[in-house]
Amino acid sequence: MNGREKYLLTLLSGIFIFQGLIFVQGFYYCSKAPKSCPELGARYDSTFSSMTAAVIGLLAGSAMGRP
């Protein structure tokens, strides 16, 4: 595993941690005021999917670039 792949895997794990923290914080605040939080799950799913897909695409591209 080269430096680029290590960086991208670290970035992917950072995304998982960041998204988890944002979801927990959103869930906490939405439980206090449920009328002000429309569809927290759908928003979480769309952001998480796009960020993860971007990093996985970069990982696949770096693996395909090797001879």
C-alpha atoms as a PDB file:
ATOM      1  CA  MET A   1       0.000   0.000   0.000  1.00  0.00           C
ATOM      2  CA  ASN A   2       1.513   3.304  -1.049  1.00  0.00           C
ATOM      3  CA  GLY A   3       1.184   6.730   0.517  1.00  0.00           C
ATOM      4  CA  ARG A   4      -1.698   7.804  -1.700  1.00  0.00           C
ATOM      5  CA  GLU A   5      -3.800   4.796  -0.757  1.00  0.00           C
ATOM      6  CA  LYS A   6      -3.066   5.294   2.945  1.00  0.00           C
ATOM      7  CA  TYR A   7      -4.121   8.920   2.638  1.00  0.00           C
ATOM      8  CA  LEU A   8      -7.361   8.024   0.847  1.00  0.00           C
ATOM      9  CA  LEU A   9      -8.219   5.305   3.379  1.00  0.00           C
ATOM     10  CA  THR A  10      -7.563   7.785   6.183  1.00  0.00           C
ATOM     11  CA  LEU A  11      -9.818  10.261   4.404  1.00  0.00           C
ATOM     12  CA  LEU A  12     -12.530   7.607   4.089  1.00  0.00           C
ATOM     13  CA  SER A  13     -12.347   6.762   7.784  1.00  0.00           C
ATOM     14  CA  GLY A  14     -12.454  10.477   8.576  1.00  0.00           C
ATOM     15  CA  ILE A  15     -15.638  10.773   6.533  1.00  0.00           C
ATOM     16  CA  PHE A  16     -17.221   7.905   8.465  1.00  0.00           C
ATOM     17  CA  ILE A  17     -16.315   9.493  11.798  1.00  0.00           C
ATOM     18  CA  PHE A  18     -17.398  12.996  10.744  1.00  0.00           C
ATOM     19  CA  GLN A  19     -20.724  11.821   9.346  1.00  0.00           C
ATOM     20  CA  GLY A  20     -21.395   9.740  12.448  1.00  0.00           C
ATOM     21  CA  LEU A  21     -20.791  12.718  14.705  1.00  0.00           C
ATOM     22  CA  ILE A  22     -22.970  14.996  12.582  1.00  0.00           C
ATOM     23  CA  PHE A  23     -25.781  12.422  12.586  1.00  0.00           C
ATOM     24  CA  VAL A  24     -25.624  11.990  16.370  1.00  0.00           C
ATOM     25  CA  GLN A  25     -25.638  15.758  16.878  1.00  0.00           C
ATOM     26  CA  GLY A  26     -28.551  16.179  14.467  1.00  0.00           C
ATOM     27  CA  PHE A  27     -30.492  13.385  16.132  1.00  0.00           C
ATOM     28  CA  TYR A  28     -29.923  14.972  19.544  1.00  0.00           C
ATOM     29  CA  TYR A  29     -31.156  18.402  18.459  1.00  0.00           C
ATOM     30  CA  CYS A  30     -34.062  16.973  16.481  1.00  0.00           C
ATOM     31  CA  SER A  31     -35.215  14.975  19.484  1.00  0.00           C
ATOM     32  CA  LYS A  32     -35.491  18.249  21.407  1.00  0.00           C
ATOM     33  CA  ALA A  33     -37.413  20.098  18.652  1.00  0.00           C
ATOM     34  CA  PRO A  34     -38.901  17.530  16.231  1.00  0.00           C
ATOM     35  CA  LYS A  35     -40.906  20.060  14.196  1.00  0.00           C
ATOM     36  CA  SER A  36     -37.785  21.875  13.022  1.00  0.00           C
ATOM     37  CA  CYS A  37     -35.995  18.822  11.561  1.00  0.00           C
ATOM     38  CA  PRO A  38     -37.464  17.476   8.321  1.00  0.00           C
ATOM     39  CA  GLU A  39     -36.194  14.090   7.139  1.00  0.00           C
ATOM     40  CA  LEU A  40     -32.852  13.867   8.883  1.00  0.00           C
ATOM     41  CA  GLY A  41     -32.254  10.330   7.577  1.00  0.00           C
ATOM     42  CA  ALA A  42     -32.705  11.255   3.905  1.00  0.00           C
ATOM     43  CA  ARG A  43     -30.306  14.173   4.217  1.00  0.00           C
ATOM     44  CA  TYR A  44     -27.758  12.024   6.001  1.00  0.00           C
ATOM     45  CA  ASP A  45     -28.024   9.304   3.375  1.00  0.00           C
ATOM     46  CA  SER A  46     -27.478  11.622   0.417  1.00  0.00           C
ATOM     47  CA  THR A  47     -24.433  13.392   1.895  1.00  0.00           C
ATOM     48  CA  PHE A  48     -22.870  10.209   3.187  1.00  0.00           C
ATOM     49  CA  SER A  49     -23.352   8.433  -0.143  1.00  0.00           C
ATOM     50  CA  SER A  50     -21.812  11.190  -2.214  1.00  0.00           C
ATOM     51  CA  MET A  51     -18.775  11.668   0.049  1.00  0.00           C
ATOM     52  CA  THR A  52     -18.113   7.931   0.281  1.00  0.00           C
ATOM     53  CA  ALA A  53     -18.554   7.388  -3.453  1.00  0.00           C
ATOM     54  CA  ALA A  54     -16.058  10.135  -4.225  1.00  0.00           C
ATOM     55  CA  VAL A  55     -13.346   8.650  -2.006  1.00  0.00           C
ATOM     56  CA  ILE A  56     -13.968   5.084  -3.195  1.00  0.00           C
ATOM     57  CA  GLY A  57     -13.728   6.338  -6.778  1.00  0.00           C
ATOM     58  CA  LEU A  58     -10.372   7.907  -5.982  1.00  0.00           C
ATOM     59  CA  LEU A  59      -9.198   4.653  -4.395  1.00  0.00           C
ATOM     60  CA  ALA A  60     -10.248   2.654  -7.450  1.00  0.00           C
ATOM     61  CA  GLY A  61      -8.571   5.147  -9.764  1.00  0.00           C
ATOM     62  CA  SER A  62      -5.320   4.956  -7.843  1.00  0.00           C
ATOM     63  CA  ALA A  63      -5.390   1.150  -7.932  1.00  0.00           C
ATOM     64  CA  MET A  64      -6.060   1.074 -11.686  1.00  0.00           C
ATOM     65  CA  GLY A  65      -3.224   3.489 -12.399  1.00  0.00           C
ATOM     66  CA  ARG A  66      -0.597   0.927 -11.420  1.00  0.00           C
ATOM     67  CA  PRO A  67       1.074  -1.214 -14.102  1.00  0.00           C
END
